[in-house]
Amino acid sequence: MWLFHRGAVLLATALFSSGLIAEETMTVELTFTPDLNNGRNVYETCASCHLPEGWGSSDGAYPQIAGQHQQVLLKQLLDIRDGHRENSIMYPFVQERTIGGYQSLVDVVTYITRMPMHPRHKQGPFSDFSDEYKQGEQLYQKHCASCHGAEGGGNDKTRTPKLYGQHYPYVLRQIDLIRKELRSVDPVMKGGVDQLSPEELMMIVNYVSWIEVPEGEKAPSANWRNTDFY
């Protein structure tokens, strides 16, 4: 009985916390009009790790953030700043004394959202001809598509991230952190991860990494450079 009560309290706390962040995210987005010039200036700090193009690193140390949904980016920055997501590297950079207030947050995420994705992000080891890919597709459509979309496009309004275009090692690492309870996420996401084996999760992440980025959202070539910084 005590265990049930404790679990219910933890779930309620998680839901309440995620609800507050969602409300803050929406309020901030609706209150401030984006200033892309300031967004570019703020992003200069981000570019040292995420690159001027926002493409991150293929080894998964830094995610591709270019082209991600605006509310997703805003929520992640607020989560880290407010201590709801553990990220010791990012934490100093999202504080008001470093990045500025809400206005600067809106400016920089709007700037990032408009950047094209890498046309050749790091993919998983199993191509679309493999059994692992096919199993991953089936598992994804069964367990993930209802929130992240059949093609991994996510949803800006629900703050559900795009999965296509993200580096395979990065997504795999995030899933492992969630599974080990080292990263806090929505209870629905945590429940979905918990019911799958590490092998099944790997096949899902592999499948997602092979989903093609839509033509209108990716750079014309891997040699494209963000001229704001060159």
Protein backbone atom coordinates (compact mmCIF):
# COMPACT_ATOMS: atom_id res chain seq x y z
CA MET A 1 0.00 0.00 0.00
CA TRP A 2 2.85 2.35 0.89
CA LEU A 3 4.61 1.55 -2.38
CA PHE A 4 1.45 2.30 -4.34
CA HIS A 5 0.96 5.59 -2.49
CA ARG A 6 4.59 6.58 -3.04
CA GLY A 7 4.34 5.76 -6.74
CA ALA A 8 1.16 7.79 -7.05
CA VAL A 9 2.81 10.76 -5.36
CA LEU A 10 5.84 10.54 -7.64
CA LEU A 11 3.64 10.34 -10.72
CA ALA A 12 1.52 13.26 -9.57
CA THR A 13 4.66 15.29 -8.87
CA ALA A 14 6.05 14.52 -12.32
CA LEU A 15 2.79 15.44 -14.01
CA PHE A 16 2.50 18.66 -12.00
CA SER A 17 6.09 19.63 -12.77
CA SER A 18 5.75 18.91 -16.49
CA GLY A 19 2.50 20.85 -16.51
CA LEU A 20 4.17 23.91 -15.00
CA ILE A 21 6.96 23.79 -17.57
CA ALA A 22 4.47 23.38 -20.41
CA GLU A 23 2.51 26.38 -19.16
CA GLU A 24 5.68 28.46 -18.81
CA THR A 25 6.82 27.47 -22.31
CA MET A 26 3.53 28.49 -23.91
CA THR A 27 3.32 31.72 -21.91
CA VAL A 28 6.83 32.75 -22.92
CA GLU A 29 6.24 31.97 -26.58
CA LEU A 30 2.99 33.94 -26.71
CA THR A 31 4.33 36.94 -24.77
CA PHE A 32 7.51 37.75 -26.68
CA THR A 33 7.91 38.59 -30.38
CA PRO A 34 11.09 36.99 -31.80
CA ASP A 35 14.01 39.21 -32.78
CA LEU A 36 16.13 37.20 -35.22
CA ASN A 37 19.05 39.63 -35.10
CA ASN A 38 19.33 39.14 -31.37
CA GLY A 39 18.77 35.41 -31.87
CA ARG A 40 21.84 35.31 -34.10
CA ASN A 41 23.87 37.21 -31.49
CA VAL A 42 22.77 34.89 -28.69
CA TYR A 43 23.42 31.80 -30.83
CA GLU A 44 27.06 32.79 -31.19
CA THR A 45 27.58 31.35 -27.70
CA CYS A 46 25.84 28.11 -28.71
CA ALA A 47 27.81 27.72 -31.94
CA SER A 48 31.04 26.76 -30.19
CA CYS A 49 29.52 23.37 -29.29
CA HIS A 50 26.53 22.95 -31.61
CA LEU A 51 28.45 24.45 -34.59
CA PRO A 52 27.40 27.56 -36.55
CA GLU A 53 25.06 25.33 -38.57
CA GLY A 54 23.43 23.77 -35.49
CA TRP A 55 24.40 20.29 -36.68
CA GLY A 56 26.05 19.08 -33.48
CA SER A 57 28.49 16.17 -33.67
CA SER A 58 28.08 12.78 -35.31
CA ASP A 59 29.46 11.00 -32.24
CA GLY A 60 26.40 12.12 -30.28
CA ALA A 61 28.25 14.39 -27.86
CA TYR A 62 26.12 17.29 -29.10
CA PRO A 63 22.70 16.94 -30.74
CA GLN A 64 21.60 18.41 -34.02
CA ILE A 65 19.36 21.31 -32.97
CA ALA A 66 18.89 22.96 -36.37
CA GLY A 67 15.29 22.79 -37.56
CA GLN A 68 13.90 21.44 -34.30
CA HIS A 69 10.45 22.62 -33.21
CA GLN A 70 10.45 26.02 -31.50
CA GLN A 71 8.48 24.97 -28.41
CA VAL A 72 10.61 21.84 -28.02
CA LEU A 73 13.79 23.91 -27.94
CA LEU A 74 12.26 26.45 -25.60
CA LYS A 75 11.03 23.76 -23.22
CA GLN A 76 14.45 22.09 -23.08
CA LEU A 77 16.19 25.37 -22.28
CA LEU A 78 13.64 26.13 -19.56
CA ASP A 79 13.91 22.57 -18.19
CA ILE A 80 17.68 22.87 -17.88
CA ARG A 81 17.56 26.40 -16.49
CA ASP A 82 14.94 25.52 -13.88
CA GLY A 83 16.65 22.28 -12.85
CA HIS A 84 14.11 19.87 -14.34
CA ARG A 85 16.68 18.39 -16.72
CA GLU A 86 20.21 17.58 -15.60
CA ASN A 87 22.82 18.98 -17.98
CA SER A 88 25.93 20.31 -16.26
CA ILE A 89 27.48 21.54 -19.52
CA MET A 90 24.44 23.50 -20.66
CA TYR A 91 23.34 24.79 -17.26
CA PRO A 92 25.67 27.85 -17.04
CA PHE A 93 24.79 28.91 -20.58
CA VAL A 94 21.01 29.03 -20.11
CA GLN A 95 21.07 31.22 -17.00
CA GLU A 96 19.69 34.74 -17.35
CA ARG A 97 23.06 36.29 -16.53
CA THR A 98 24.55 34.48 -19.55
CA ILE A 99 21.87 34.18 -22.21
CA GLY A 100 19.48 36.91 -21.06
CA GLY A 101 15.84 36.71 -20.09
CA TYR A 102 12.80 35.20 -21.75
CA GLN A 103 13.14 37.50 -24.75
CA SER A 104 16.58 36.13 -25.58
CA LEU A 105 15.37 32.55 -25.16
CA VAL A 106 12.57 33.14 -27.66
CA ASP A 107 14.96 34.90 -30.03
CA VAL A 108 17.56 32.14 -30.08
CA VAL A 109 15.14 29.21 -30.40
CA THR A 110 13.40 30.98 -33.29
CA TYR A 111 16.77 31.46 -34.97
CA ILE A 112 17.69 27.79 -34.48
CA THR A 113 14.32 26.55 -35.74
CA ARG A 114 14.90 28.29 -39.08
CA MET A 115 18.29 26.68 -39.69
CA PRO A 116 18.38 23.78 -42.19
CA MET A 117 19.26 20.29 -40.97
CA HIS A 118 22.35 18.35 -41.93
CA PRO A 119 21.54 16.31 -45.06
CA ARG A 120 23.72 13.40 -43.89
CA HIS A 121 23.40 13.03 -40.13
CA LYS A 122 24.90 10.00 -38.38
CA GLN A 123 22.75 6.92 -38.98
CA GLY A 124 22.57 3.58 -37.19
CA PRO A 125 24.38 0.41 -38.29
CA PHE A 126 21.38 -1.37 -39.84
CA SER A 127 20.14 -0.13 -43.22
CA ASP A 128 16.60 -0.45 -44.55
CA PHE A 129 17.42 -3.84 -46.06
CA SER A 130 18.11 -5.43 -42.69
CA ASP A 131 15.84 -7.40 -40.36
CA GLU A 132 16.82 -5.07 -37.51
CA TYR A 133 15.56 -2.07 -39.47
CA LYS A 134 12.25 -3.77 -40.22
CA GLN A 135 11.78 -4.80 -36.58
CA GLY A 136 12.64 -1.27 -35.50
CA GLU A 137 10.03 0.14 -37.86
CA GLN A 138 7.34 -2.17 -36.48
CA LEU A 139 8.26 -1.32 -32.89
CA TYR A 140 8.36 2.40 -33.63
CA GLN A 141 4.94 2.43 -35.27
CA LYS A 142 3.49 0.47 -32.36
CA HIS A 143 5.08 2.32 -29.44
CA CYS A 144 6.25 5.75 -30.64
CA ALA A 145 4.31 6.98 -33.67
CA SER A 146 1.22 8.06 -31.73
CA CYS A 147 3.25 10.90 -30.16
CA HIS A 148 6.24 11.43 -32.45
CA GLY A 149 4.36 10.89 -35.71
CA ALA A 150 4.54 8.12 -38.30
CA GLU A 151 7.54 9.82 -39.94
CA GLY A 152 9.20 11.04 -36.75
CA GLY A 153 8.15 14.65 -37.26
CA GLY A 154 7.04 15.31 -33.69
CA ASN A 155 4.62 18.11 -32.83
CA ASP A 156 5.42 21.70 -31.94
CA LYS A 157 2.16 22.33 -30.06
CA THR A 158 2.63 19.33 -27.77
CA ARG A 159 6.38 19.99 -27.47
CA THR A 160 7.15 16.57 -28.94
CA PRO A 161 10.54 16.65 -30.69
CA LYS A 162 11.31 15.78 -34.26
CA LEU A 163 13.30 12.56 -34.32
CA TYR A 164 14.32 12.47 -37.95
CA GLY A 165 17.67 14.07 -38.64
CA GLN A 166 19.02 13.42 -35.16
CA HIS A 167 22.35 11.63 -34.76
CA TYR A 168 21.95 7.95 -33.90
CA PRO A 169 24.47 7.94 -31.00
CA TYR A 170 22.79 10.95 -29.38
CA VAL A 171 19.29 9.46 -29.40
CA LEU A 172 20.63 6.11 -28.19
CA ARG A 173 22.40 7.84 -25.30
CA GLN A 174 19.29 9.80 -24.33
CA ILE A 175 17.17 6.65 -24.32
CA ASP A 176 19.74 4.93 -22.12
CA LEU A 177 19.68 7.87 -19.69
CA ILE A 178 15.88 7.72 -19.55
CA ARG A 179 15.94 3.96 -19.00
CA LYS A 180 18.42 4.35 -16.14
CA GLU A 181 16.37 7.22 -14.66
CA LEU A 182 19.23 9.67 -15.21
CA ARG A 183 17.05 11.94 -17.35
CA SER A 184 13.55 13.00 -16.34
CA VAL A 185 10.89 12.92 -19.05
CA ASP A 186 7.14 12.86 -19.42
CA PRO A 187 5.69 9.84 -17.54
CA VAL A 188 4.19 8.52 -20.78
CA MET A 189 7.62 8.50 -22.43
CA LYS A 190 9.22 6.86 -19.40
CA GLY A 191 6.54 4.17 -19.36
CA GLY A 192 7.08 3.45 -23.04
CA VAL A 193 10.83 3.09 -22.60
CA ASP A 194 10.44 0.83 -19.56
CA GLN A 195 8.33 -1.73 -21.38
CA LEU A 196 10.94 -2.30 -24.10
CA SER A 197 14.22 -4.19 -23.92
CA PRO A 198 17.57 -2.47 -24.65
CA GLU A 199 17.75 -4.41 -27.92
CA GLU A 200 14.27 -3.28 -28.97
CA LEU A 201 15.11 0.32 -28.08
CA MET A 202 18.29 0.11 -30.14
CA MET A 203 16.34 -1.13 -33.18
CA ILE A 204 13.81 1.70 -32.79
CA VAL A 205 16.56 4.31 -32.60
CA ASN A 206 18.29 2.73 -35.58
CA TYR A 207 15.07 2.90 -37.61
CA VAL A 208 14.48 6.54 -36.67
CA SER A 209 17.99 7.47 -37.78
CA TRP A 210 17.20 6.24 -41.29
CA ILE A 211 14.02 8.30 -41.72
CA GLU A 212 14.69 10.80 -44.48
CA VAL A 213 14.69 14.49 -43.57
CA PRO A 214 12.14 16.29 -45.80
CA GLU A 215 13.72 18.21 -48.67
CA GLY A 216 12.49 21.57 -47.47
CA GLU A 217 14.09 21.12 -44.05
CA LYS A 218 17.64 20.11 -44.91
CA ALA A 219 20.64 21.98 -46.29
CA PRO A 220 21.43 21.54 -49.99
CA SER A 221 24.67 19.71 -49.16
CA ALA A 222 26.92 18.72 -46.28
CA ASN A 223 29.21 21.57 -47.38
CA TRP A 224 26.58 24.23 -46.63
CA ARG A 225 27.76 26.87 -44.20
CA ASN A 226 25.84 29.36 -42.10
CA THR A 227 26.96 32.65 -43.64
CA ASP A 228 25.97 34.53 -40.48
CA PHE A 229 29.21 33.22 -39.01
CA TYR A 230 31.57 33.11 -42.01
